[in-house]
Amino acid sequence: MSSQNSKLGGTHSPSTSATTNEANGSGPISINVGGQSLTIRSDQDPSFVQGLARYINHTLEDLQAAAPTAPMNKLLILASMTVAEELFETREELRNTRTRLKETTESMYELIDQARQI
């Protein structure tokens, strides 16, 4: 995904909208994140990109409720840090789950081998 600032700038409350002129999901998608209009070029489905924007806006709303006087640029940085933290935690959970699955699978194979020897 790449982005470029849109000529449709504005400073209103966080809202999300996404549109594309191409039905196959490979064209530009206009979104609004934190009151900033952007055009995203993506091979992703437009509804997926719209969901990402909604998620960021939801995170921004939560941060804005906790720090109502914080400037939007700082809230956007905090939102990106929050989402990055979630990503890193999820990756660690996935790594741990894969390790446990591998250990469990190896234990099951050992038990099967033992049962065959009986």
C-alpha atoms as a PDB file:
ATOM      1  CA  MET A   1       0.000   0.000   0.000  1.00  0.00           C
ATOM      2  CA  SER A   2       1.205   3.493  -0.700  1.00  0.00           C
ATOM      3  CA  SER A   3      -0.440   6.768   0.072  1.00  0.00           C
ATOM      4  CA  GLN A   4      -0.431  10.291  -1.135  1.00  0.00           C
ATOM      5  CA  ASN A   5      -2.150  13.321   0.332  1.00  0.00           C
ATOM      6  CA  SER A   6      -5.447  14.052  -1.275  1.00  0.00           C
ATOM      7  CA  LYS A   7      -6.593  17.492  -2.369  1.00  0.00           C
ATOM      8  CA  LEU A   8      -9.629  16.878  -0.183  1.00  0.00           C
ATOM      9  CA  GLY A   9      -7.964  17.921   3.078  1.00  0.00           C
ATOM     10  CA  GLY A  10      -9.983  18.764   6.110  1.00  0.00           C
ATOM     11  CA  THR A  11      -9.886  18.892   9.866  1.00  0.00           C
ATOM     12  CA  HIS A  12     -13.023  17.280  11.157  1.00  0.00           C
ATOM     13  CA  SER A  13     -13.609  14.535  13.662  1.00  0.00           C
ATOM     14  CA  PRO A  14     -12.246  11.100  12.796  1.00  0.00           C
ATOM     15  CA  SER A  15     -14.465   9.405  10.261  1.00  0.00           C
ATOM     16  CA  THR A  16     -13.940   6.761   7.663  1.00  0.00           C
ATOM     17  CA  SER A  17     -14.921   6.615   4.059  1.00  0.00           C
ATOM     18  CA  ALA A  18     -13.422   4.607   1.241  1.00  0.00           C
ATOM     19  CA  THR A  19     -14.176   4.663  -2.440  1.00  0.00           C
ATOM     20  CA  THR A  20     -12.556   3.224  -5.508  1.00  0.00           C
ATOM     21  CA  ASN A  21     -13.264   3.499  -9.189  1.00  0.00           C
ATOM     22  CA  GLU A  22     -12.011   0.007  -9.927  1.00  0.00           C
ATOM     23  CA  ALA A  23     -14.096  -2.993  -8.935  1.00  0.00           C
ATOM     24  CA  ASN A  24     -11.130  -5.395  -8.788  1.00  0.00           C
ATOM     25  CA  GLY A  25      -9.550  -3.726  -5.747  1.00  0.00           C
ATOM     26  CA  SER A  26      -6.321  -2.722  -7.486  1.00  0.00           C
ATOM     27  CA  GLY A  27      -6.939   0.985  -7.860  1.00  0.00           C
ATOM     28  CA  PRO A  28      -6.746   4.068  -5.705  1.00  0.00           C
ATOM     29  CA  ILE A  29      -8.916   4.135  -2.602  1.00  0.00           C
ATOM     30  CA  SER A  30      -9.847   7.397  -0.910  1.00  0.00           C
ATOM     31  CA  ILE A  31      -9.960   7.186   2.872  1.00  0.00           C
ATOM     32  CA  ASN A  32     -10.180   9.567   5.795  1.00  0.00           C
ATOM     33  CA  VAL A  33      -8.124   8.881   8.910  1.00  0.00           C
ATOM     34  CA  GLY A  34      -8.083  11.311  11.786  1.00  0.00           C
ATOM     35  CA  GLY A  35      -9.609  14.030   9.644  1.00  0.00           C
ATOM     36  CA  GLN A  36      -6.950  13.615   6.956  1.00  0.00           C
ATOM     37  CA  SER A  37      -8.022  12.589   3.464  1.00  0.00           C
ATOM     38  CA  LEU A  38      -5.650  10.218   1.713  1.00  0.00           C
ATOM     39  CA  THR A  39      -5.596   8.240  -1.483  1.00  0.00           C
ATOM     40  CA  ILE A  40      -4.270   4.731  -0.944  1.00  0.00           C
ATOM     41  CA  ARG A  41      -3.063   2.637  -3.858  1.00  0.00           C
ATOM     42  CA  SER A  42      -3.540  -0.968  -2.885  1.00  0.00           C
ATOM     43  CA  ASP A  43      -4.000  -4.433  -4.291  1.00  0.00           C
ATOM     44  CA  GLN A  44      -6.153  -5.147  -1.237  1.00  0.00           C
ATOM     45  CA  ASP A  45      -9.919  -5.196  -1.416  1.00  0.00           C
ATOM     46  CA  PRO A  46     -11.325  -1.695  -0.799  1.00  0.00           C
ATOM     47  CA  SER A  47     -13.465  -2.988   2.081  1.00  0.00           C
ATOM     48  CA  PHE A  48     -10.316  -4.355   3.741  1.00  0.00           C
ATOM     49  CA  VAL A  49      -8.589  -0.960   3.444  1.00  0.00           C
ATOM     50  CA  GLN A  50     -11.742   0.718   4.754  1.00  0.00           C
ATOM     51  CA  GLY A  51     -11.686  -1.656   7.728  1.00  0.00           C
ATOM     52  CA  LEU A  52      -8.077  -0.665   8.449  1.00  0.00           C
ATOM     53  CA  ALA A  53      -9.047   2.995   8.417  1.00  0.00           C
ATOM     54  CA  ARG A  54     -12.012   2.306  10.723  1.00  0.00           C
ATOM     55  CA  TYR A  55      -9.709   0.458  13.121  1.00  0.00           C
ATOM     56  CA  ILE A  56      -7.235   3.354  13.231  1.00  0.00           C
ATOM     57  CA  ASN A  57     -10.076   5.841  13.711  1.00  0.00           C
ATOM     58  CA  HIS A  58     -11.495   3.747  16.559  1.00  0.00           C
ATOM     59  CA  THR A  59      -8.049   3.703  18.189  1.00  0.00           C
ATOM     60  CA  LEU A  60      -7.816   7.474  17.689  1.00  0.00           C
ATOM     61  CA  GLU A  61     -11.217   7.977  19.306  1.00  0.00           C
ATOM     62  CA  ASP A  62     -10.143   5.945  22.348  1.00  0.00           C
ATOM     63  CA  LEU A  63      -6.929   7.953  22.659  1.00  0.00           C
ATOM     64  CA  GLN A  64      -8.773  11.225  22.144  1.00  0.00           C
ATOM     65  CA  ALA A  65     -11.189  10.309  24.943  1.00  0.00           C
ATOM     66  CA  ALA A  66      -8.236   9.641  27.248  1.00  0.00           C
ATOM     67  CA  ALA A  67      -6.377  12.824  26.215  1.00  0.00           C
ATOM     68  CA  PRO A  68      -8.943  15.267  24.813  1.00  0.00           C
ATOM     69  CA  THR A  69      -6.514  18.194  24.542  1.00  0.00           C
ATOM     70  CA  ALA A  70      -3.757  16.273  22.750  1.00  0.00           C
ATOM     71  CA  PRO A  71      -3.044  17.477  19.213  1.00  0.00           C
ATOM     72  CA  MET A  72      -4.092  15.172  16.375  1.00  0.00           C
ATOM     73  CA  ASN A  73      -0.511  14.617  15.156  1.00  0.00           C
ATOM     74  CA  LYS A  74       0.454  13.221  18.574  1.00  0.00           C
ATOM     75  CA  LEU A  75      -2.696  11.100  18.708  1.00  0.00           C
ATOM     76  CA  LEU A  76      -1.843   9.675  15.281  1.00  0.00           C
ATOM     77  CA  ILE A  77       1.647   8.752  16.520  1.00  0.00           C
ATOM     78  CA  LEU A  78       0.165   7.160  19.648  1.00  0.00           C
ATOM     79  CA  ALA A  79      -2.372   5.276  17.511  1.00  0.00           C
ATOM     80  CA  SER A  80       0.382   3.914  15.282  1.00  0.00           C
ATOM     81  CA  MET A  81       2.386   2.880  18.357  1.00  0.00           C
ATOM     82  CA  THR A  82      -0.702   1.213  19.853  1.00  0.00           C
ATOM     83  CA  VAL A  83      -1.396  -0.746  16.656  1.00  0.00           C
ATOM     84  CA  ALA A  84       2.298  -1.681  16.346  1.00  0.00           C
ATOM     85  CA  GLU A  85       2.244  -2.923  19.948  1.00  0.00           C
ATOM     86  CA  GLU A  86      -0.815  -5.060  19.172  1.00  0.00           C
ATOM     87  CA  LEU A  87       0.955  -6.439  16.098  1.00  0.00           C
ATOM     88  CA  PHE A  88       4.120  -7.327  18.022  1.00  0.00           C
ATOM     89  CA  GLU A  89       2.111  -8.952  20.848  1.00  0.00           C
ATOM     90  CA  THR A  90       0.084 -10.958  18.334  1.00  0.00           C
ATOM     91  CA  ARG A  91       3.235 -12.094  16.539  1.00  0.00           C
ATOM     92  CA  GLU A  92       4.695 -13.258  19.863  1.00  0.00           C
ATOM     93  CA  GLU A  93       1.470 -15.110  20.702  1.00  0.00           C
ATOM     94  CA  LEU A  94       1.539 -16.767  17.273  1.00  0.00           C
ATOM     95  CA  ARG A  95       5.184 -17.759  17.739  1.00  0.00           C
ATOM     96  CA  ASN A  96       4.355 -19.267  21.154  1.00  0.00           C
ATOM     97  CA  THR A  97       1.312 -21.087  19.767  1.00  0.00           C
ATOM     98  CA  ARG A  98       3.379 -22.567  16.935  1.00  0.00           C
ATOM     99  CA  THR A  99       6.019 -23.726  19.428  1.00  0.00           C
ATOM    100  CA  ARG A 100       3.370 -25.369  21.651  1.00  0.00           C
ATOM    101  CA  LEU A 101       1.734 -26.976  18.608  1.00  0.00           C
ATOM    102  CA  LYS A 102       5.069 -28.363  17.438  1.00  0.00           C
ATOM    103  CA  GLU A 103       5.836 -29.743  20.917  1.00  0.00           C
ATOM    104  CA  THR A 104       2.363 -31.283  21.212  1.00  0.00           C
ATOM    105  CA  THR A 105       2.631 -32.844  17.758  1.00  0.00           C
ATOM    106  CA  GLU A 106       6.030 -34.336  18.598  1.00  0.00           C
ATOM    107  CA  SER A 107       4.619 -35.752  21.847  1.00  0.00           C
ATOM    108  CA  MET A 108       1.701 -37.290  19.975  1.00  0.00           C
ATOM    109  CA  TYR A 109       4.057 -38.929  17.459  1.00  0.00           C
ATOM    110  CA  GLU A 110       6.112 -40.337  20.333  1.00  0.00           C
ATOM    111  CA  LEU A 111       2.965 -41.767  21.944  1.00  0.00           C
ATOM    112  CA  ILE A 112       1.882 -43.282  18.620  1.00  0.00           C
ATOM    113  CA  ASP A 113       5.313 -44.867  18.199  1.00  0.00           C
ATOM    114  CA  GLN A 114       5.128 -46.267  21.739  1.00  0.00           C
ATOM    115  CA  ALA A 115       1.643 -47.661  21.101  1.00  0.00           C
ATOM    116  CA  ARG A 116       2.849 -49.415  17.955  1.00  0.00           C
ATOM    117  CA  GLN A 117       5.584 -51.141  19.919  1.00  0.00           C
ATOM    118  CA  ILE A 118       3.122 -52.660  22.345  1.00  0.00           C
END
